Amino acid sequence: NVSDSPTERINFELTLITPSILDSELTVASWRNKDNRRPKS
């Protein structure tokens, strides 16, 4: 994200998908994005 223009900056998101300890179904256990916003899914 090296652009001087804020409209040209790329929105990266990194998530970790792994089985949940609560119900054994897959979940997003951890995530990080520009706004540190919780994934919609």
PDB file of all heavy atoms in Angstrom:
ATOM      1  N   ASN A   1       0.858  -1.183   0.000  1.00  0.00           N
ATOM      2  CA  ASN A   1       0.000   0.000   0.000  1.00  0.00           C
ATOM      3  C   ASN A   1       0.890   1.228   0.000  1.00  0.00           C
ATOM      4  O   ASN A   1       1.076   1.876   1.035  1.00  0.00           O
ATOM      5  CB  ASN A   1      -0.932   0.002   1.218  1.00  0.00           C
ATOM      6  CG  ASN A   1      -2.325  -0.448   0.853  1.00  0.00           C
ATOM      7  OD1 ASN A   1      -2.737  -0.360  -0.299  1.00  0.00           O
ATOM      8  ND2 ASN A   1      -3.065  -0.940   1.826  1.00  0.00           N
ATOM      9  N   VAL A   2       1.448   1.541  -1.153  1.00  0.00           N
ATOM     10  CA  VAL A   2       2.442   2.614  -1.226  1.00  0.00           C
ATOM     11  C   VAL A   2       1.951   3.813  -2.043  1.00  0.00           C
ATOM     12  O   VAL A   2       2.699   4.737  -2.281  1.00  0.00           O
ATOM     13  CB  VAL A   2       3.758   2.082  -1.851  1.00  0.00           C
ATOM     14  CG1 VAL A   2       4.396   1.072  -0.927  1.00  0.00           C
ATOM     15  CG2 VAL A   2       3.505   1.452  -3.222  1.00  0.00           C
ATOM     16  N   SER A   3       0.696   3.811  -2.471  1.00  0.00           N
ATOM     17  CA  SER A   3       0.171   4.902  -3.280  1.00  0.00           C
ATOM     18  C   SER A   3      -0.072   6.141  -2.420  1.00  0.00           C
ATOM     19  O   SER A   3      -0.496   6.054  -1.269  1.00  0.00           O
ATOM     20  CB  SER A   3      -1.134   4.477  -3.965  1.00  0.00           C
ATOM     21  OG  SER A   3      -1.711   5.564  -4.651  1.00  0.00           O
ATOM     22  N   ASP A   4       0.225   7.324  -3.004  1.00  0.00           N
ATOM     23  CA  ASP A   4      -0.033   8.582  -2.305  1.00  0.00           C
ATOM     24  C   ASP A   4      -1.517   8.932  -2.300  1.00  0.00           C
ATOM     25  O   ASP A   4      -1.974   9.703  -1.464  1.00  0.00           O
ATOM     26  CB  ASP A   4       0.749   9.723  -2.961  1.00  0.00           C
ATOM     27  CG  ASP A   4       2.250   9.558  -2.803  1.00  0.00           C
ATOM     28  OD1 ASP A   4       2.654   8.965  -1.787  1.00  0.00           O
ATOM     29  OD2 ASP A   4       3.001  10.008  -3.686  1.00  0.00           O
ATOM     30  N   SER A   5      -2.251   8.366  -3.250  1.00  0.00           N
ATOM     31  CA  SER A   5      -3.679   8.650  -3.341  1.00  0.00           C
ATOM     32  C   SER A   5      -4.469   7.667  -2.483  1.00  0.00           C
ATOM     33  O   SER A   5      -4.333   6.453  -2.634  1.00  0.00           O
ATOM     34  CB  SER A   5      -4.149   8.542  -4.795  1.00  0.00           C
ATOM     35  OG  SER A   5      -5.555   8.649  -4.877  1.00  0.00           O
ATOM     36  N   PRO A   6      -5.302   8.169  -1.569  1.00  0.00           N
ATOM     37  CA  PRO A   6      -6.074   7.264  -0.692  1.00  0.00           C
ATOM     38  C   PRO A   6      -7.063   6.402  -1.469  1.00  0.00           C
ATOM     39  O   PRO A   6      -7.437   5.327  -1.013  1.00  0.00           O
ATOM     40  CB  PRO A   6      -6.799   8.221   0.259  1.00  0.00           C
ATOM     41  CG  PRO A   6      -6.826   9.527  -0.458  1.00  0.00           C
ATOM     42  CD  PRO A   6      -5.580   9.581  -1.280  1.00  0.00           C
ATOM     43  N   THR A   7      -7.483   6.874  -2.650  1.00  0.00           N
ATOM     44  CA  THR A   7      -8.445   6.101  -3.445  1.00  0.00           C
ATOM     45  C   THR A   7      -7.787   4.946  -4.189  1.00  0.00           C
ATOM     46  O   THR A   7      -8.478   4.078  -4.715  1.00  0.00           O
ATOM     47  CB  THR A   7      -9.154   7.016  -4.458  1.00  0.00           C
ATOM     48  OG1 THR A   7      -8.171   7.619  -5.318  1.00  0.00           O
ATOM     49  CG2 THR A   7      -9.933   8.102  -3.747  1.00  0.00           C
ATOM     50  N   GLU A   8      -6.463   4.950  -4.249  1.00  0.00           N
ATOM     51  CA  GLU A   8      -5.755   3.898  -4.969  1.00  0.00           C
ATOM     52  C   GLU A   8      -5.161   2.848  -4.029  1.00  0.00           C
ATOM     53  O   GLU A   8      -4.559   1.883  -4.478  1.00  0.00           O
ATOM     54  CB  GLU A   8      -4.623   4.509  -5.820  1.00  0.00           C
ATOM     55  CG  GLU A   8      -5.129   5.408  -6.947  1.00  0.00           C
ATOM     56  CD  GLU A   8      -3.995   6.012  -7.740  1.00  0.00           C
ATOM     57  OE1 GLU A   8      -2.825   5.701  -7.424  1.00  0.00           O
ATOM     58  OE2 GLU A   8      -4.267   6.793  -8.669  1.00  0.00           O
ATOM     59  N   ARG A   9      -5.315   3.049  -2.746  1.00  0.00           N
ATOM     60  CA  ARG A   9      -4.763   2.098  -1.788  1.00  0.00           C
ATOM     61  C   ARG A   9      -5.578   0.810  -1.796  1.00  0.00           C
ATOM     62  O   ARG A   9      -6.795   0.817  -1.990  1.00  0.00           O
ATOM     63  CB  ARG A   9      -4.737   2.708  -0.378  1.00  0.00           C
ATOM     64  CG  ARG A   9      -3.705   3.825  -0.257  1.00  0.00           C
ATOM     65  CD  ARG A   9      -3.745   4.481   1.104  1.00  0.00           C
ATOM     66  NE  ARG A   9      -3.364   3.568   2.163  1.00  0.00           N
ATOM     67  CZ  ARG A   9      -2.111   3.268   2.483  1.00  0.00           C
ATOM     68  NH1 ARG A   9      -1.116   3.803   1.811  1.00  0.00           N
ATOM     69  NH2 ARG A   9      -1.851   2.438   3.465  1.00  0.00           N
ATOM     70  N   ILE A  10      -4.884  -0.297  -1.598  1.00  0.00           N
ATOM     71  CA  ILE A  10      -5.506  -1.619  -1.680  1.00  0.00           C
ATOM     72  C   ILE A  10      -5.965  -2.053  -0.293  1.00  0.00           C
ATOM     73  O   ILE A  10      -5.247  -1.880   0.695  1.00  0.00           O
ATOM     74  CB  ILE A  10      -4.503  -2.642  -2.252  1.00  0.00           C
ATOM     75  CG1 ILE A  10      -4.041  -2.186  -3.636  1.00  0.00           C
ATOM     76  CG2 ILE A  10      -5.132  -4.030  -2.339  1.00  0.00           C
ATOM     77  CD1 ILE A  10      -2.920  -3.047  -4.213  1.00  0.00           C
ATOM     78  N   ASN A  11      -7.157  -2.602  -0.234  1.00  0.00           N
ATOM     79  CA  ASN A  11      -7.697  -3.086   1.042  1.00  0.00           C
ATOM     80  C   ASN A  11      -7.395  -4.577   1.193  1.00  0.00           C
ATOM     81  O   ASN A  11      -8.102  -5.421   0.643  1.00  0.00           O
ATOM     82  CB  ASN A  11      -9.211  -2.839   1.097  1.00  0.00           C
ATOM     83  CG  ASN A  11      -9.551  -1.369   1.104  1.00  0.00           C
ATOM     84  OD1 ASN A  11      -8.901  -0.582   1.787  1.00  0.00           O
ATOM     85  ND2 ASN A  11     -10.548  -0.978   0.328  1.00  0.00           N
ATOM     86  N   PHE A  12      -6.352  -4.876   1.913  1.00  0.00           N
ATOM     87  CA  PHE A  12      -5.991  -6.269   2.177  1.00  0.00           C
ATOM     88  C   PHE A  12      -6.741  -6.771   3.411  1.00  0.00           C
ATOM     89  O   PHE A  12      -6.996  -6.007   4.349  1.00  0.00           O
ATOM     90  CB  PHE A  12      -4.491  -6.408   2.427  1.00  0.00           C
ATOM     91  CG  PHE A  12      -3.648  -6.105   1.223  1.00  0.00           C
ATOM     92  CD1 PHE A  12      -2.945  -4.915   1.131  1.00  0.00           C
ATOM     93  CD2 PHE A  12      -3.552  -7.011   0.177  1.00  0.00           C
ATOM     94  CE1 PHE A  12      -2.167  -4.621   0.024  1.00  0.00           C
ATOM     95  CE2 PHE A  12      -2.771  -6.734  -0.934  1.00  0.00           C
ATOM     96  CZ  PHE A  12      -2.084  -5.539  -1.011  1.00  0.00           C
ATOM     97  N   GLU A  13      -7.053  -8.048   3.410  1.00  0.00           N
ATOM     98  CA  GLU A  13      -7.643  -8.683   4.590  1.00  0.00           C
ATOM     99  C   GLU A  13      -7.025 -10.066   4.746  1.00  0.00           C
ATOM    100  O   GLU A  13      -6.854 -10.791   3.767  1.00  0.00           O
ATOM    101  CB  GLU A  13      -9.160  -8.808   4.466  1.00  0.00           C
ATOM    102  CG  GLU A  13      -9.788  -9.403   5.723  1.00  0.00           C
ATOM    103  CD  GLU A  13     -11.303  -9.292   5.750  1.00  0.00           C
ATOM    104  OE1 GLU A  13     -11.885  -8.998   4.686  1.00  0.00           O
ATOM    105  OE2 GLU A  13     -11.894  -9.498   6.826  1.00  0.00           O
ATOM    106  N   LEU A  14      -6.668 -10.385   5.971  1.00  0.00           N
ATOM    107  CA  LEU A  14      -6.092 -11.694   6.269  1.00  0.00           C
ATOM    108  C   LEU A  14      -6.949 -12.375   7.331  1.00  0.00           C
ATOM    109  O   LEU A  14      -7.258 -11.770   8.365  1.00  0.00           O
ATOM    110  CB  LEU A  14      -4.653 -11.550   6.775  1.00  0.00           C
ATOM    111  CG  LEU A  14      -3.912 -12.847   7.120  1.00  0.00           C
ATOM    112  CD1 LEU A  14      -3.755 -13.727   5.887  1.00  0.00           C
ATOM    113  CD2 LEU A  14      -2.540 -12.531   7.713  1.00  0.00           C
ATOM    114  N   THR A  15      -7.358 -13.601   7.066  1.00  0.00           N
ATOM    115  CA  THR A  15      -8.178 -14.345   8.019  1.00  0.00           C
ATOM    116  C   THR A  15      -7.585 -15.734   8.252  1.00  0.00           C
ATOM    117  O   THR A  15      -6.880 -16.279   7.395  1.00  0.00           O
ATOM    118  CB  THR A  15      -9.623 -14.510   7.516  1.00  0.00           C
ATOM    119  OG1 THR A  15      -9.610 -15.184   6.244  1.00  0.00           O
ATOM    120  CG2 THR A  15     -10.301 -13.162   7.352  1.00  0.00           C
ATOM    121  N   LEU A  16      -7.895 -16.286   9.409  1.00  0.00           N
ATOM    122  CA  LEU A  16      -7.526 -17.659   9.733  1.00  0.00           C
ATOM    123  C   LEU A  16      -8.812 -18.476   9.853  1.00  0.00           C
ATOM    124  O   LEU A  16      -9.629 -18.219  10.741  1.00  0.00           O
ATOM    125  CB  LEU A  16      -6.744 -17.728  11.043  1.00  0.00           C
ATOM    126  CG  LEU A  16      -6.557 -19.143  11.627  1.00  0.00           C
ATOM    127  CD1 LEU A  16      -5.717 -20.019  10.674  1.00  0.00           C
ATOM    128  CD2 LEU A  16      -5.923 -19.080  13.008  1.00  0.00           C
ATOM    129  N   ILE A  17      -8.987 -19.428   8.957  1.00  0.00           N
ATOM    130  CA  ILE A  17     -10.143 -20.317   9.008  1.00  0.00           C
ATOM    131  C   ILE A  17      -9.694 -21.647   9.607  1.00  0.00           C
ATOM    132  O   ILE A  17      -8.736 -22.264   9.121  1.00  0.00           O
ATOM    133  CB  ILE A  17     -10.747 -20.520   7.608  1.00  0.00           C
ATOM    134  CG1 ILE A  17     -11.306 -19.194   7.080  1.00  0.00           C
ATOM    135  CG2 ILE A  17     -11.850 -21.574   7.632  1.00  0.00           C
ATOM    136  CD1 ILE A  17     -11.963 -19.283   5.723  1.00  0.00           C
ATOM    137  N   THR A  18     -10.382 -22.067  10.666  1.00  0.00           N
ATOM    138  CA  THR A  18     -10.007 -23.287  11.380  1.00  0.00           C
ATOM    139  C   THR A  18     -11.248 -23.846  12.083  1.00  0.00           C
ATOM    140  O   THR A  18     -12.218 -23.097  12.299  1.00  0.00           O
ATOM    141  CB  THR A  18      -8.894 -22.976  12.409  1.00  0.00           C
ATOM    142  OG1 THR A  18      -8.390 -24.181  12.962  1.00  0.00           O
ATOM    143  CG2 THR A  18      -9.411 -22.086  13.527  1.00  0.00           C
ATOM    144  N   PRO A  19     -11.259 -25.120  12.432  1.00  0.00           N
ATOM    145  CA  PRO A  19     -12.423 -25.668  13.147  1.00  0.00           C
ATOM    146  C   PRO A  19     -12.645 -24.980  14.492  1.00  0.00           C
ATOM    147  O   PRO A  19     -11.699 -24.741  15.242  1.00  0.00           O
ATOM    148  CB  PRO A  19     -12.045 -27.145  13.336  1.00  0.00           C
ATOM    149  CG  PRO A  19     -11.108 -27.435  12.214  1.00  0.00           C
ATOM    150  CD  PRO A  19     -10.309 -26.181  12.035  1.00  0.00           C
ATOM    151  N   SER A  20     -13.888 -24.647  14.770  1.00  0.00           N
ATOM    152  CA  SER A  20     -14.234 -24.004  16.037  1.00  0.00           C
ATOM    153  C   SER A  20     -14.157 -25.012  17.181  1.00  0.00           C
ATOM    154  O   SER A  20     -14.551 -26.172  17.035  1.00  0.00           O
ATOM    155  CB  SER A  20     -15.646 -23.418  15.949  1.00  0.00           C
ATOM    156  OG  SER A  20     -16.068 -22.979  17.212  1.00  0.00           O
ATOM    157  N   ILE A  21     -13.677 -24.571  18.322  1.00  0.00           N
ATOM    158  CA  ILE A  21     -13.629 -25.420  19.507  1.00  0.00           C
ATOM    159  C   ILE A  21     -15.029 -25.562  20.108  1.00  0.00           C
ATOM    160  O   ILE A  21     -15.326 -26.533  20.798  1.00  0.00           O
ATOM    161  CB  ILE A  21     -12.652 -24.819  20.541  1.00  0.00           C
ATOM    162  CG1 ILE A  21     -11.241 -24.787  19.948  1.00  0.00           C
ATOM    163  CG2 ILE A  21     -12.643 -25.618  21.833  1.00  0.00           C
ATOM    164  CD1 ILE A  21     -10.227 -24.079  20.796  1.00  0.00           C
ATOM    165  N   LEU A  22     -15.909 -24.622  19.791  1.00  0.00           N
ATOM    166  CA  LEU A  22     -17.264 -24.629  20.339  1.00  0.00           C
ATOM    167  C   LEU A  22     -18.158 -25.670  19.684  1.00  0.00           C
ATOM    168  O   LEU A  22     -18.907 -26.365  20.363  1.00  0.00           O
ATOM    169  CB  LEU A  22     -17.893 -23.238  20.187  1.00  0.00           C
ATOM    170  CG  LEU A  22     -17.183 -22.087  20.911  1.00  0.00           C
ATOM    171  CD1 LEU A  22     -17.787 -20.754  20.518  1.00  0.00           C
ATOM    172  CD2 LEU A  22     -17.265 -22.296  22.416  1.00  0.00           C
ATOM    173  N   ASP A  23     -18.069 -25.794  18.342  1.00  0.00           N
ATOM    174  CA  ASP A  23     -18.988 -26.708  17.651  1.00  0.00           C
ATOM    175  C   ASP A  23     -18.322 -27.550  16.568  1.00  0.00           C
ATOM    176  O   ASP A  23     -19.003 -28.270  15.832  1.00  0.00           O
ATOM    177  CB  ASP A  23     -20.150 -25.922  17.034  1.00  0.00           C
ATOM    178  CG  ASP A  23     -19.657 -24.761  16.162  1.00  0.00           C
ATOM    179  OD1 ASP A  23     -18.619 -24.902  15.495  1.00  0.00           O
ATOM    180  OD2 ASP A  23     -20.318 -23.708  16.144  1.00  0.00           O
ATOM    181  N   SER A  24     -16.993 -27.441  16.424  1.00  0.00           N
ATOM    182  CA  SER A  24     -16.203 -28.234  15.464  1.00  0.00           C
ATOM    183  C   SER A  24     -16.435 -27.844  14.005  1.00  0.00           C
ATOM    184  O   SER A  24     -15.769 -28.387  13.117  1.00  0.00           O
ATOM    185  CB  SER A  24     -16.488 -29.736  15.622  1.00  0.00           C
ATOM    186  OG  SER A  24     -16.116 -30.165  16.911  1.00  0.00           O
ATOM    187  N   GLU A  25     -17.348 -26.899  13.719  1.00  0.00           N
ATOM    188  CA  GLU A  25     -17.525 -26.413  12.356  1.00  0.00           C
ATOM    189  C   GLU A  25     -16.464 -25.346  12.078  1.00  0.00           C
ATOM    190  O   GLU A  25     -15.932 -24.729  13.002  1.00  0.00           O
ATOM    191  CB  GLU A  25     -18.922 -25.823  12.167  1.00  0.00           C
ATOM    192  CG  GLU A  25     -20.045 -26.836  12.246  1.00  0.00           C
ATOM    193  CD  GLU A  25     -20.140 -27.706  11.007  1.00  0.00           C
ATOM    194  OE1 GLU A  25     -19.430 -27.414  10.020  1.00  0.00           O
ATOM    195  OE2 GLU A  25     -20.917 -28.671  11.019  1.00  0.00           O
ATOM    196  N   LEU A  26     -16.166 -25.120  10.802  1.00  0.00           N
ATOM    197  CA  LEU A  26     -15.168 -24.115  10.455  1.00  0.00           C
ATOM    198  C   LEU A  26     -15.640 -22.720  10.855  1.00  0.00           C
ATOM    199  O   LEU A  26     -16.824 -22.403  10.786  1.00  0.00           O
ATOM    200  CB  LEU A  26     -14.880 -24.146   8.952  1.00  0.00           C
ATOM    201  CG  LEU A  26     -14.185 -25.395   8.410  1.00  0.00           C
ATOM    202  CD1 LEU A  26     -13.970 -25.268   6.912  1.00  0.00           C
ATOM    203  CD2 LEU A  26     -12.857 -25.636   9.117  1.00  0.00           C
ATOM    204  N   THR A  27     -14.679 -21.912  11.277  1.00  0.00           N
ATOM    205  CA  THR A  27     -14.976 -20.533  11.646  1.00  0.00           C
ATOM    206  C   THR A  27     -13.777 -19.654  11.324  1.00  0.00           C
ATOM    207  O   THR A  27     -12.691 -20.155  11.000  1.00  0.00           O
ATOM    208  CB  THR A  27     -15.306 -20.427  13.148  1.00  0.00           C
ATOM    209  OG1 THR A  27     -15.784 -19.114  13.422  1.00  0.00           O
ATOM    210  CG2 THR A  27     -14.081 -20.702  14.013  1.00  0.00           C
ATOM    211  N   VAL A  28     -13.967 -18.345  11.406  1.00  0.00           N
ATOM    212  CA  VAL A  28     -12.851 -17.411  11.295  1.00  0.00           C
ATOM    213  C   VAL A  28     -12.380 -17.128  12.716  1.00  0.00           C
ATOM    214  O   VAL A  28     -13.030 -16.401  13.468  1.00  0.00           O
ATOM    215  CB  VAL A  28     -13.269 -16.111  10.583  1.00  0.00           C
ATOM    216  CG1 VAL A  28     -12.102 -15.117  10.574  1.00  0.00           C
ATOM    217  CG2 VAL A  28     -13.713 -16.391   9.160  1.00  0.00           C
ATOM    218  N   ALA A  29     -11.266 -17.731  13.086  1.00  0.00           N
ATOM    219  CA  ALA A  29     -10.774 -17.615  14.460  1.00  0.00           C
ATOM    220  C   ALA A  29     -10.042 -16.300  14.708  1.00  0.00           C
ATOM    221  O   ALA A  29      -9.990 -15.807  15.832  1.00  0.00           O
ATOM    222  CB  ALA A  29      -9.850 -18.784  14.773  1.00  0.00           C
ATOM    223  N   SER A  30      -9.472 -15.742  13.628  1.00  0.00           N
ATOM    224  CA  SER A  30      -8.725 -14.492  13.773  1.00  0.00           C
ATOM    225  C   SER A  30      -8.736 -13.772  12.432  1.00  0.00           C
ATOM    226  O   SER A  30      -8.791 -14.410  11.379  1.00  0.00           O
ATOM    227  CB  SER A  30      -7.284 -14.777  14.218  1.00  0.00           C
ATOM    228  OG  SER A  30      -6.565 -13.577  14.415  1.00  0.00           O
ATOM    229  N   TRP A  31      -8.676 -12.450  12.476  1.00  0.00           N
ATOM    230  CA  TRP A  31      -8.708 -11.679  11.238  1.00  0.00           C
ATOM    231  C   TRP A  31      -8.026 -10.337  11.438  1.00  0.00           C
ATOM    232  O   TRP A  31      -7.834  -9.876  12.554  1.00  0.00           O
ATOM    233  CB  TRP A  31     -10.164 -11.445  10.795  1.00  0.00           C
ATOM    234  CG  TRP A  31     -10.956 -10.633  11.765  1.00  0.00           C
ATOM    235  CD1 TRP A  31     -11.059  -9.261  11.838  1.00  0.00           C
ATOM    236  CD2 TRP A  31     -11.741 -11.139  12.858  1.00  0.00           C
ATOM    237  NE1 TRP A  31     -11.860  -8.899  12.891  1.00  0.00           N
ATOM    238  CE2 TRP A  31     -12.301 -10.017  13.528  1.00  0.00           C
ATOM    239  CE3 TRP A  31     -12.051 -12.429  13.315  1.00  0.00           C
ATOM    240  CZ2 TRP A  31     -13.128 -10.154  14.639  1.00  0.00           C
ATOM    241  CZ3 TRP A  31     -12.877 -12.554  14.420  1.00  0.00           C
ATOM    242  CH2 TRP A  31     -13.404 -11.435  15.070  1.00  0.00           C
ATOM    243  N   ARG A  32      -7.660  -9.721  10.318  1.00  0.00           N
ATOM    244  CA  ARG A  32      -7.087  -8.370  10.344  1.00  0.00           C
ATOM    245  C   ARG A  32      -7.343  -7.714   9.000  1.00  0.00           C
ATOM    246  O   ARG A  32      -7.086  -8.308   7.950  1.00  0.00           O
ATOM    247  CB  ARG A  32      -5.581  -8.416  10.628  1.00  0.00           C
ATOM    248  CG  ARG A  32      -4.954  -7.046  10.844  1.00  0.00           C
ATOM    249  CD  ARG A  32      -5.464  -6.399  12.122  1.00  0.00           C
ATOM    250  NE  ARG A  32      -4.669  -5.250  12.521  1.00  0.00           N
ATOM    251  CZ  ARG A  32      -4.856  -3.998  12.077  1.00  0.00           C
ATOM    252  NH1 ARG A  32      -5.805  -3.755  11.206  1.00  0.00           N
ATOM    253  NH2 ARG A  32      -4.094  -3.017  12.488  1.00  0.00           N
ATOM    254  N   ASN A  33      -7.853  -6.497   9.025  1.00  0.00           N
ATOM    255  CA  ASN A  33      -8.053  -5.702   7.820  1.00  0.00           C
ATOM    256  C   ASN A  33      -7.820  -4.241   8.154  1.00  0.00           C
ATOM    257  O   ASN A  33      -7.445  -3.908   9.285  1.00  0.00           O
ATOM    258  CB  ASN A  33      -9.459  -5.932   7.240  1.00  0.00           C
ATOM    259  CG  ASN A  33     -10.552  -5.774   8.289  1.00  0.00           C
ATOM    260  OD1 ASN A  33     -10.639  -4.752   8.957  1.00  0.00           O
ATOM    261  ND2 ASN A  33     -11.375  -6.816   8.447  1.00  0.00           N
ATOM    262  N   LYS A  34      -8.035  -3.376   7.188  1.00  0.00           N
ATOM    263  CA  LYS A  34      -7.728  -1.949   7.369  1.00  0.00           C
ATOM    264  C   LYS A  34      -8.451  -1.357   8.571  1.00  0.00           C
ATOM    265  O   LYS A  34      -7.865  -0.594   9.346  1.00  0.00           O
ATOM    266  CB  LYS A  34      -8.111  -1.192   6.093  1.00  0.00           C
ATOM    267  CG  LYS A  34      -7.816   0.304   6.144  1.00  0.00           C
ATOM    268  CD  LYS A  34      -8.262   0.980   4.865  1.00  0.00           C
ATOM    269  CE  LYS A  34      -9.781   0.925   4.725  1.00  0.00           C
ATOM    270  NZ  LYS A  34     -10.274   1.693   3.549  1.00  0.00           N
ATOM    271  N   ASP A  35      -9.711  -1.691   8.722  1.00  0.00           N
ATOM    272  CA  ASP A  35     -10.517  -1.154   9.822  1.00  0.00           C
ATOM    273  C   ASP A  35     -10.625  -2.116  10.995  1.00  0.00           C
ATOM    274  O   ASP A  35     -11.337  -1.836  11.957  1.00  0.00           O
ATOM    275  CB  ASP A  35     -11.925  -0.820   9.312  1.00  0.00           C
ATOM    276  CG  ASP A  35     -11.902   0.150   8.141  1.00  0.00           C
ATOM    277  OD1 ASP A  35     -11.172   1.148   8.240  1.00  0.00           O
ATOM    278  OD2 ASP A  35     -12.585  -0.115   7.132  1.00  0.00           O
ATOM    279  N   ASN A  36      -9.930  -3.248  10.892  1.00  0.00           N
ATOM    280  CA  ASN A  36     -10.044  -4.320  11.889  1.00  0.00           C
ATOM    281  C   ASN A  36     -11.513  -4.677  12.123  1.00  0.00           C
ATOM    282  O   ASN A  36     -11.945  -4.907  13.252  1.00  0.00           O
ATOM    283  CB  ASN A  36      -9.388  -3.921  13.210  1.00  0.00           C
ATOM    284  CG  ASN A  36      -8.967  -5.147  14.016  1.00  0.00           C
ATOM    285  OD1 ASN A  36      -8.810  -6.243  13.468  1.00  0.00           O
ATOM    286  ND2 ASN A  36      -8.780  -4.974  15.301  1.00  0.00           N
ATOM    287  N   ARG A  37     -12.244  -4.717  11.006  1.00  0.00           N
ATOM    288  CA  ARG A  37     -13.682  -4.983  11.057  1.00  0.00           C
ATOM    289  C   ARG A  37     -13.947  -6.483  10.992  1.00  0.00           C
ATOM    290  O   ARG A  37     -13.309  -7.210  10.237  1.00  0.00           O
ATOM    291  CB  ARG A  37     -14.364  -4.274   9.890  1.00  0.00           C
ATOM    292  CG  ARG A  37     -15.886  -4.322   9.914  1.00  0.00           C
ATOM    293  CD  ARG A  37     -16.447  -3.501   8.772  1.00  0.00           C
ATOM    294  NE  ARG A  37     -16.072  -2.092   8.927  1.00  0.00           N
ATOM    295  CZ  ARG A  37     -16.177  -1.211   7.934  1.00  0.00           C
ATOM    296  NH1 ARG A  37     -16.609  -1.587   6.755  1.00  0.00           N
ATOM    297  NH2 ARG A  37     -15.834   0.048   8.154  1.00  0.00           N
ATOM    298  N   ARG A  38     -14.900  -6.934  11.778  1.00  0.00           N
ATOM    299  CA  ARG A  38     -15.277  -8.350  11.820  1.00  0.00           C
ATOM    300  C   ARG A  38     -15.813  -8.786  10.460  1.00  0.00           C
ATOM    301  O   ARG A  38     -16.630  -8.095   9.853  1.00  0.00           O
ATOM    302  CB  ARG A  38     -16.347  -8.548  12.888  1.00  0.00           C
ATOM    303  CG  ARG A  38     -16.546  -9.972  13.356  1.00  0.00           C
ATOM    304  CD  ARG A  38     -17.377  -9.963  14.624  1.00  0.00           C
ATOM    305  NE  ARG A  38     -17.522 -11.305  15.181  1.00  0.00           N
ATOM    306  CZ  ARG A  38     -18.618 -12.033  15.044  1.00  0.00           C
ATOM    307  NH1 ARG A  38     -19.651 -11.556  14.366  1.00  0.00           N
ATOM    308  NH2 ARG A  38     -18.685 -13.236  15.589  1.00  0.00           N
ATOM    309  N   PRO A  39     -15.364  -9.947   9.947  1.00  0.00           N
ATOM    310  CA  PRO A  39     -15.855 -10.429   8.647  1.00  0.00           C
ATOM    311  C   PRO A  39     -17.375 -10.580   8.628  1.00  0.00           C
ATOM    312  O   PRO A  39     -17.978 -11.052   9.598  1.00  0.00           O
ATOM    313  CB  PRO A  39     -15.166 -11.790   8.502  1.00  0.00           C
ATOM    314  CG  PRO A  39     -13.941 -11.683   9.337  1.00  0.00           C
ATOM    315  CD  PRO A  39     -14.319 -10.826  10.503  1.00  0.00           C
ATOM    316  N   LYS A  40     -17.998 -10.181   7.508  1.00  0.00           N
ATOM    317  CA  LYS A  40     -19.454 -10.253   7.387  1.00  0.00           C
ATOM    318  C   LYS A  40     -19.963 -11.686   7.509  1.00  0.00           C
ATOM    319  O   LYS A  40     -21.056 -11.920   8.022  1.00  0.00           O
ATOM    320  CB  LYS A  40     -19.891  -9.672   6.040  1.00  0.00           C
ATOM    321  CG  LYS A  40     -19.739  -8.167   5.923  1.00  0.00           C
ATOM    322  CD  LYS A  40     -20.282  -7.683   4.591  1.00  0.00           C
ATOM    323  CE  LYS A  40     -20.194  -6.175   4.469  1.00  0.00           C
ATOM    324  NZ  LYS A  40     -20.730  -5.698   3.163  1.00  0.00           N
ATOM    325  N   SER A  41     -19.175 -12.612   7.028  1.00  0.00           N
ATOM    326  CA  SER A  41     -19.614 -14.012   7.051  1.00  0.00           C
ATOM    327  C   SER A  41     -19.796 -14.526   8.475  1.00  0.00           C
ATOM    328  O   SER A  41     -20.613 -15.421   8.728  1.00  0.00           O
ATOM    329  CB  SER A  41     -18.595 -14.890   6.301  1.00  0.00           C
ATOM    330  OG  SER A  41     -17.291 -14.711   6.829  1.00  0.00           O
TER     331      SER A  41
END
